[in-house]
Amino acid sequence: MGVVRSVGYSLGSAIGGLILAAGTGPGHLSPDNSAYTTAALVGIGAMAITTLTSLALARRRSSETNP
């Protein structure tokens, strides 16, 4: 389980960094506000997908153990 968590952290950090780097204009030191908004929305979307997948797997597992 720890490996999956580490992979998730690494992937999330890489995607967040990519979005923020893409939102940093030439000659600027920090991303503009839209890059932060985009990064947050992508994170929320990933969290929603993960939550729905976890709920579906938990429901499937409980139906297999309680016939």
PDB file of N, CA and C in Angstrom:
ATOM      1  N   MET A   1       0.828  -1.189   0.000  1.00  0.00           N
ATOM      2  CA  MET A   1       0.000   0.000   0.000  1.00  0.00           C
ATOM      3  C   MET A   1       0.874   1.255   0.000  1.00  0.00           C
ATOM      4  N   GLY A   2       1.999   1.194   0.680  1.00  0.00           N
ATOM      5  CA  GLY A   2       2.892   2.349   0.733  1.00  0.00           C
ATOM      6  C   GLY A   2       3.458   2.708  -0.635  1.00  0.00           C
ATOM      7  N   VAL A   3       3.690   1.680  -1.470  1.00  0.00           N
ATOM      8  CA  VAL A   3       4.223   1.940  -2.807  1.00  0.00           C
ATOM      9  C   VAL A   3       3.183   2.669  -3.650  1.00  0.00           C
ATOM     10  N   VAL A   4       1.927   2.254  -3.546  1.00  0.00           N
ATOM     11  CA  VAL A   4       0.868   2.907  -4.318  1.00  0.00           C
ATOM     12  C   VAL A   4       0.738   4.363  -3.899  1.00  0.00           C
ATOM     13  N   ARG A   5       0.820   4.618  -2.605  1.00  0.00           N
ATOM     14  CA  ARG A   5       0.738   5.990  -2.105  1.00  0.00           C
ATOM     15  C   ARG A   5       1.904   6.819  -2.618  1.00  0.00           C
ATOM     16  N   SER A   6       3.106   6.264  -2.603  1.00  0.00           N
ATOM     17  CA  SER A   6       4.282   6.985  -3.088  1.00  0.00           C
ATOM     18  C   SER A   6       4.177   7.293  -4.579  1.00  0.00           C
ATOM     19  N   VAL A   7       3.672   6.343  -5.345  1.00  0.00           N
ATOM     20  CA  VAL A   7       3.489   6.569  -6.777  1.00  0.00           C
ATOM     21  C   VAL A   7       2.452   7.669  -6.990  1.00  0.00           C
ATOM     22  N   GLY A   8       1.374   7.649  -6.208  1.00  0.00           N
ATOM     23  CA  GLY A   8       0.352   8.686  -6.315  1.00  0.00           C
ATOM     24  C   GLY A   8       0.895  10.065  -5.995  1.00  0.00           C
ATOM     25  N   TYR A   9       1.683  10.154  -4.922  1.00  0.00           N
ATOM     26  CA  TYR A   9       2.289  11.446  -4.566  1.00  0.00           C
ATOM     27  C   TYR A   9       3.200  11.936  -5.682  1.00  0.00           C
ATOM     28  N   SER A  10       4.013  11.045  -6.210  1.00  0.00           N
ATOM     29  CA  SER A  10       4.954  11.429  -7.263  1.00  0.00           C
ATOM     30  C   SER A  10       4.225  11.871  -8.522  1.00  0.00           C
ATOM     31  N   LEU A  11       3.204  11.116  -8.903  1.00  0.00           N
ATOM     32  CA  LEU A  11       2.440  11.459 -10.095  1.00  0.00           C
ATOM     33  C   LEU A  11       1.707  12.788  -9.909  1.00  0.00           C
ATOM     34  N   GLY A  12       1.099  12.984  -8.745  1.00  0.00           N
ATOM     35  CA  GLY A  12       0.402  14.240  -8.472  1.00  0.00           C
ATOM     36  C   GLY A  12       1.339  15.433  -8.479  1.00  0.00           C
ATOM     37  N   SER A  13       2.511  15.261  -7.900  1.00  0.00           N
ATOM     38  CA  SER A  13       3.493  16.347  -7.891  1.00  0.00           C
ATOM     39  C   SER A  13       3.973  16.680  -9.297  1.00  0.00           C
ATOM     40  N   ALA A  14       4.207  15.644 -10.097  1.00  0.00           N
ATOM     41  CA  ALA A  14       4.673  15.870 -11.462  1.00  0.00           C
ATOM     42  C   ALA A  14       3.616  16.581 -12.298  1.00  0.00           C
ATOM     43  N   ILE A  15       2.360  16.163 -12.175  1.00  0.00           N
ATOM     44  CA  ILE A  15       1.293  16.796 -12.952  1.00  0.00           C
ATOM     45  C   ILE A  15       1.079  18.236 -12.491  1.00  0.00           C
ATOM     46  N   GLY A  16       1.065  18.442 -11.175  1.00  0.00           N
ATOM     47  CA  GLY A  16       0.920  19.805 -10.651  1.00  0.00           C
ATOM     48  C   GLY A  16       2.049  20.710 -11.095  1.00  0.00           C
ATOM     49  N   GLY A  17       3.269  20.204 -11.033  1.00  0.00           N
ATOM     50  CA  GLY A  17       4.421  20.984 -11.483  1.00  0.00           C
ATOM     51  C   GLY A  17       4.369  21.292 -12.969  1.00  0.00           C
ATOM     52  N   LEU A  18       3.913  20.330 -13.748  1.00  0.00           N
ATOM     53  CA  LEU A  18       3.788  20.542 -15.187  1.00  0.00           C
ATOM     54  C   LEU A  18       2.768  21.633 -15.501  1.00  0.00           C
ATOM     55  N   ILE A  19       1.619  21.576 -14.825  1.00  0.00           N
ATOM     56  CA  ILE A  19       0.581  22.590 -15.059  1.00  0.00           C
ATOM     57  C   ILE A  19       1.075  23.973 -14.649  1.00  0.00           C
ATOM     58  N   LEU A  20       1.729  24.055 -13.491  1.00  0.00           N
ATOM     59  CA  LEU A  20       2.225  25.357 -13.040  1.00  0.00           C
ATOM     60  C   LEU A  20       3.357  25.873 -13.919  1.00  0.00           C
ATOM     61  N   ALA A  21       4.220  24.977 -14.395  1.00  0.00           N
ATOM     62  CA  ALA A  21       5.299  25.404 -15.290  1.00  0.00           C
ATOM     63  C   ALA A  21       4.735  25.906 -16.613  1.00  0.00           C
ATOM     64  N   ALA A  22       3.694  25.220 -17.101  1.00  0.00           N
ATOM     65  CA  ALA A  22       3.076  25.652 -18.358  1.00  0.00           C
ATOM     66  C   ALA A  22       2.364  26.998 -18.191  1.00  0.00           C
ATOM     67  N   GLY A  23       1.932  27.302 -16.971  1.00  0.00           N
ATOM     68  CA  GLY A  23       1.238  28.558 -16.717  1.00  0.00           C
ATOM     69  C   GLY A  23       2.148  29.714 -16.357  1.00  0.00           C
ATOM     70  N   THR A  24       3.446  29.487 -16.409  1.00  0.00           N
ATOM     71  CA  THR A  24       4.403  30.554 -16.127  1.00  0.00           C
ATOM     72  C   THR A  24       4.865  31.156 -17.448  1.00  0.00           C
ATOM     73  N   GLY A  25       4.549  32.401 -17.628  1.00  0.00           N
ATOM     74  CA  GLY A  25       4.890  33.074 -18.878  1.00  0.00           C
ATOM     75  C   GLY A  25       6.376  33.387 -18.978  1.00  0.00           C
ATOM     76  N   PRO A  26       6.845  33.647 -20.185  1.00  0.00           N
ATOM     77  CA  PRO A  26       8.249  34.001 -20.379  1.00  0.00           C
ATOM     78  C   PRO A  26       8.595  35.279 -19.600  1.00  0.00           C
ATOM     79  N   GLY A  27       9.675  35.225 -18.882  1.00  0.00           N
ATOM     80  CA  GLY A  27      10.124  36.381 -18.117  1.00  0.00           C
ATOM     81  C   GLY A  27       9.465  36.521 -16.756  1.00  0.00           C
ATOM     82  N   HIS A  28       8.561  35.630 -16.408  1.00  0.00           N
ATOM     83  CA  HIS A  28       7.910  35.670 -15.095  1.00  0.00           C
ATOM     84  C   HIS A  28       8.505  34.613 -14.176  1.00  0.00           C
ATOM     85  N   LEU A  29       8.504  34.900 -12.887  1.00  0.00           N
ATOM     86  CA  LEU A  29       9.055  33.957 -11.916  1.00  0.00           C
ATOM     87  C   LEU A  29       8.006  33.043 -11.307  1.00  0.00           C
ATOM     88  N   SER A  30       6.741  33.414 -11.422  1.00  0.00           N
ATOM     89  CA  SER A  30       5.685  32.589 -10.829  1.00  0.00           C
ATOM     90  C   SER A  30       4.527  32.444 -11.813  1.00  0.00           C
ATOM     91  N   PRO A  31       3.760  31.371 -11.674  1.00  0.00           N
ATOM     92  CA  PRO A  31       2.625  31.140 -12.572  1.00  0.00           C
ATOM     93  C   PRO A  31       1.517  32.172 -12.348  1.00  0.00           C
ATOM     94  N   ASP A  32       0.699  32.373 -13.356  1.00  0.00           N
ATOM     95  CA  ASP A  32      -0.444  33.262 -13.175  1.00  0.00           C
ATOM     96  C   ASP A  32      -1.570  32.509 -12.463  1.00  0.00           C
ATOM     97  N   ASN A  33      -2.576  33.246 -12.052  1.00  0.00           N
ATOM     98  CA  ASN A  33      -3.652  32.660 -11.241  1.00  0.00           C
ATOM     99  C   ASN A  33      -4.405  31.551 -11.957  1.00  0.00           C
ATOM    100  N   SER A  34      -4.537  31.628 -13.257  1.00  0.00           N
ATOM    101  CA  SER A  34      -5.268  30.595 -13.984  1.00  0.00           C
ATOM    102  C   SER A  34      -4.551  29.244 -13.909  1.00  0.00           C
ATOM    103  N   ALA A  35      -3.233  29.248 -13.798  1.00  0.00           N
ATOM    104  CA  ALA A  35      -2.496  27.989 -13.676  1.00  0.00           C
ATOM    105  C   ALA A  35      -2.807  27.312 -12.339  1.00  0.00           C
ATOM    106  N   TYR A  36      -2.908  28.107 -11.286  1.00  0.00           N
ATOM    107  CA  TYR A  36      -3.265  27.538  -9.984  1.00  0.00           C
ATOM    108  C   TYR A  36      -4.685  26.983 -10.004  1.00  0.00           C
ATOM    109  N   THR A  37      -5.586  27.698 -10.667  1.00  0.00           N
ATOM    110  CA  THR A  37      -6.968  27.223 -10.779  1.00  0.00           C
ATOM    111  C   THR A  37      -7.026  25.924 -11.565  1.00  0.00           C
ATOM    112  N   THR A  38      -6.294  25.861 -12.658  1.00  0.00           N
ATOM    113  CA  THR A  38      -6.258  24.643 -13.468  1.00  0.00           C
ATOM    114  C   THR A  38      -5.689  23.476 -12.674  1.00  0.00           C
ATOM    115  N   ALA A  39      -4.608  23.706 -11.945  1.00  0.00           N
ATOM    116  CA  ALA A  39      -4.004  22.643 -11.141  1.00  0.00           C
ATOM    117  C   ALA A  39      -4.987  22.145 -10.080  1.00  0.00           C
ATOM    118  N   ALA A  40      -5.720  23.058  -9.457  1.00  0.00           N
ATOM    119  CA  ALA A  40      -6.698  22.663  -8.447  1.00  0.00           C
ATOM    120  C   ALA A  40      -7.828  21.854  -9.069  1.00  0.00           C
ATOM    121  N   LEU A  41      -8.318  22.280 -10.231  1.00  0.00           N
ATOM    122  CA  LEU A  41      -9.404  21.552 -10.887  1.00  0.00           C
ATOM    123  C   LEU A  41      -8.973  20.160 -11.340  1.00  0.00           C
ATOM    124  N   VAL A  42      -7.760  20.038 -11.822  1.00  0.00           N
ATOM    125  CA  VAL A  42      -7.244  18.721 -12.200  1.00  0.00           C
ATOM    126  C   VAL A  42      -7.135  17.828 -10.962  1.00  0.00           C
ATOM    127  N   GLY A  43      -6.667  18.390  -9.855  1.00  0.00           N
ATOM    128  CA  GLY A  43      -6.587  17.624  -8.614  1.00  0.00           C
ATOM    129  C   GLY A  43      -7.949  17.185  -8.110  1.00  0.00           C
ATOM    130  N   ILE A  44      -8.927  18.075  -8.205  1.00  0.00           N
ATOM    131  CA  ILE A  44     -10.286  17.735  -7.786  1.00  0.00           C
ATOM    132  C   ILE A  44     -10.846  16.624  -8.680  1.00  0.00           C
ATOM    133  N   GLY A  45     -10.604  16.717  -9.970  1.00  0.00           N
ATOM    134  CA  GLY A  45     -11.061  15.676 -10.895  1.00  0.00           C
ATOM    135  C   GLY A  45     -10.427  14.330 -10.597  1.00  0.00           C
ATOM    136  N   ALA A  46      -9.126  14.329 -10.338  1.00  0.00           N
ATOM    137  CA  ALA A  46      -8.442  13.082 -10.004  1.00  0.00           C
ATOM    138  C   ALA A  46      -8.964  12.502  -8.695  1.00  0.00           C
ATOM    139  N   MET A  47      -9.226  13.369  -7.725  1.00  0.00           N
ATOM    140  CA  MET A  47      -9.759  12.907  -6.452  1.00  0.00           C
ATOM    141  C   MET A  47     -11.154  12.309  -6.629  1.00  0.00           C
ATOM    142  N   ALA A  48     -11.977  12.930  -7.460  1.00  0.00           N
ATOM    143  CA  ALA A  48     -13.329  12.415  -7.698  1.00  0.00           C
ATOM    144  C   ALA A  48     -13.278  11.046  -8.373  1.00  0.00           C
ATOM    145  N   ILE A  49     -12.418  10.898  -9.360  1.00  0.00           N
ATOM    146  CA  ILE A  49     -12.276   9.604 -10.036  1.00  0.00           C
ATOM    147  C   ILE A  49     -11.796   8.541  -9.059  1.00  0.00           C
ATOM    148  N   THR A  50     -10.825   8.876  -8.233  1.00  0.00           N
ATOM    149  CA  THR A  50     -10.307   7.928  -7.249  1.00  0.00           C
ATOM    150  C   THR A  50     -11.380   7.536  -6.241  1.00  0.00           C
ATOM    151  N   THR A  51     -12.164   8.506  -5.785  1.00  0.00           N
ATOM    152  CA  THR A  51     -13.226   8.227  -4.821  1.00  0.00           C
ATOM    153  C   THR A  51     -14.280   7.312  -5.428  1.00  0.00           C
ATOM    154  N   LEU A  52     -14.725   7.619  -6.637  1.00  0.00           N
ATOM    155  CA  LEU A  52     -15.737   6.786  -7.285  1.00  0.00           C
ATOM    156  C   LEU A  52     -15.226   5.369  -7.546  1.00  0.00           C
ATOM    157  N   THR A  53     -13.972   5.248  -7.943  1.00  0.00           N
ATOM    158  CA  THR A  53     -13.388   3.927  -8.169  1.00  0.00           C
ATOM    159  C   THR A  53     -13.307   3.146  -6.865  1.00  0.00           C
ATOM    160  N   SER A  54     -12.896   3.805  -5.794  1.00  0.00           N
ATOM    161  CA  SER A  54     -12.797   3.138  -4.496  1.00  0.00           C
ATOM    162  C   SER A  54     -14.166   2.665  -4.011  1.00  0.00           C
ATOM    163  N   LEU A  55     -15.178   3.504  -4.171  1.00  0.00           N
ATOM    164  CA  LEU A  55     -16.525   3.124  -3.753  1.00  0.00           C
ATOM    165  C   LEU A  55     -17.046   1.951  -4.577  1.00  0.00           C
ATOM    166  N   ALA A  56     -16.798   1.967  -5.874  1.00  0.00           N
ATOM    167  CA  ALA A  56     -17.242   0.869  -6.732  1.00  0.00           C
ATOM    168  C   ALA A  56     -16.549  -0.434  -6.369  1.00  0.00           C
ATOM    169  N   LEU A  57     -15.256  -0.369  -6.104  1.00  0.00           N
ATOM    170  CA  LEU A  57     -14.524  -1.582  -5.727  1.00  0.00           C
ATOM    171  C   LEU A  57     -14.954  -2.095  -4.355  1.00  0.00           C
ATOM    172  N   ALA A  58     -15.220  -1.188  -3.431  1.00  0.00           N
ATOM    173  CA  ALA A  58     -15.673  -1.605  -2.107  1.00  0.00           C
ATOM    174  C   ALA A  58     -17.051  -2.258  -2.186  1.00  0.00           C
ATOM    175  N   ARG A  59     -17.928  -1.702  -2.996  1.00  0.00           N
ATOM    176  CA  ARG A  59     -19.262  -2.278  -3.163  1.00  0.00           C
ATOM    177  C   ARG A  59     -19.174  -3.653  -3.812  1.00  0.00           C
ATOM    178  N   ARG A  60     -18.313  -3.774  -4.809  1.00  0.00           N
ATOM    179  CA  ARG A  60     -18.143  -5.062  -5.487  1.00  0.00           C
ATOM    180  C   ARG A  60     -17.578  -6.110  -4.543  1.00  0.00           C
ATOM    181  N   ARG A  61     -16.621  -5.681  -3.730  1.00  0.00           N
ATOM    182  CA  ARG A  61     -16.006  -6.616  -2.797  1.00  0.00           C
ATOM    183  C   ARG A  61     -16.997  -7.060  -1.721  1.00  0.00           C
ATOM    184  N   SER A  62     -17.824  -6.135  -1.222  1.00  0.00           N
ATOM    185  CA  SER A  62     -18.781  -6.505  -0.191  1.00  0.00           C
ATOM    186  C   SER A  62     -19.865  -7.437  -0.746  1.00  0.00           C
ATOM    187  N   SER A  63     -20.234  -7.272  -2.017  1.00  0.00           N
ATOM    188  CA  SER A  63     -21.233  -8.163  -2.603  1.00  0.00           C
ATOM    189  C   SER A  63     -20.656  -9.548  -2.859  1.00  0.00           C
ATOM    190  N   GLU A  64     -19.342  -9.632  -3.077  1.00  0.00           N
ATOM    191  CA  GLU A  64     -18.706 -10.945  -3.268  1.00  0.00           C
ATOM    192  C   GLU A  64     -18.554 -11.698  -1.951  1.00  0.00           C
ATOM    193  N   THR A  65     -18.361 -10.978  -0.860  1.00  0.00           N
ATOM    194  CA  THR A  65     -18.180 -11.633   0.441  1.00  0.00           C
ATOM    195  C   THR A  65     -19.493 -11.929   1.134  1.00  0.00           C
ATOM    196  N   ASN A  66     -20.578 -11.222   0.765  1.00  0.00           N
ATOM    197  CA  ASN A  66     -21.897 -11.440   1.358  1.00  0.00           C
ATOM    198  C   ASN A  66     -22.890 -11.829   0.275  1.00  0.00           C
ATOM    199  N   PRO A  67     -22.880 -13.106  -0.146  1.00  0.00           N
ATOM    200  CA  PRO A  67     -23.752 -13.507  -1.259  1.00  0.00           C
ATOM    201  C   PRO A  67     -25.217 -13.534  -0.886  1.00  0.00           C
TER     202      PRO A  67
END
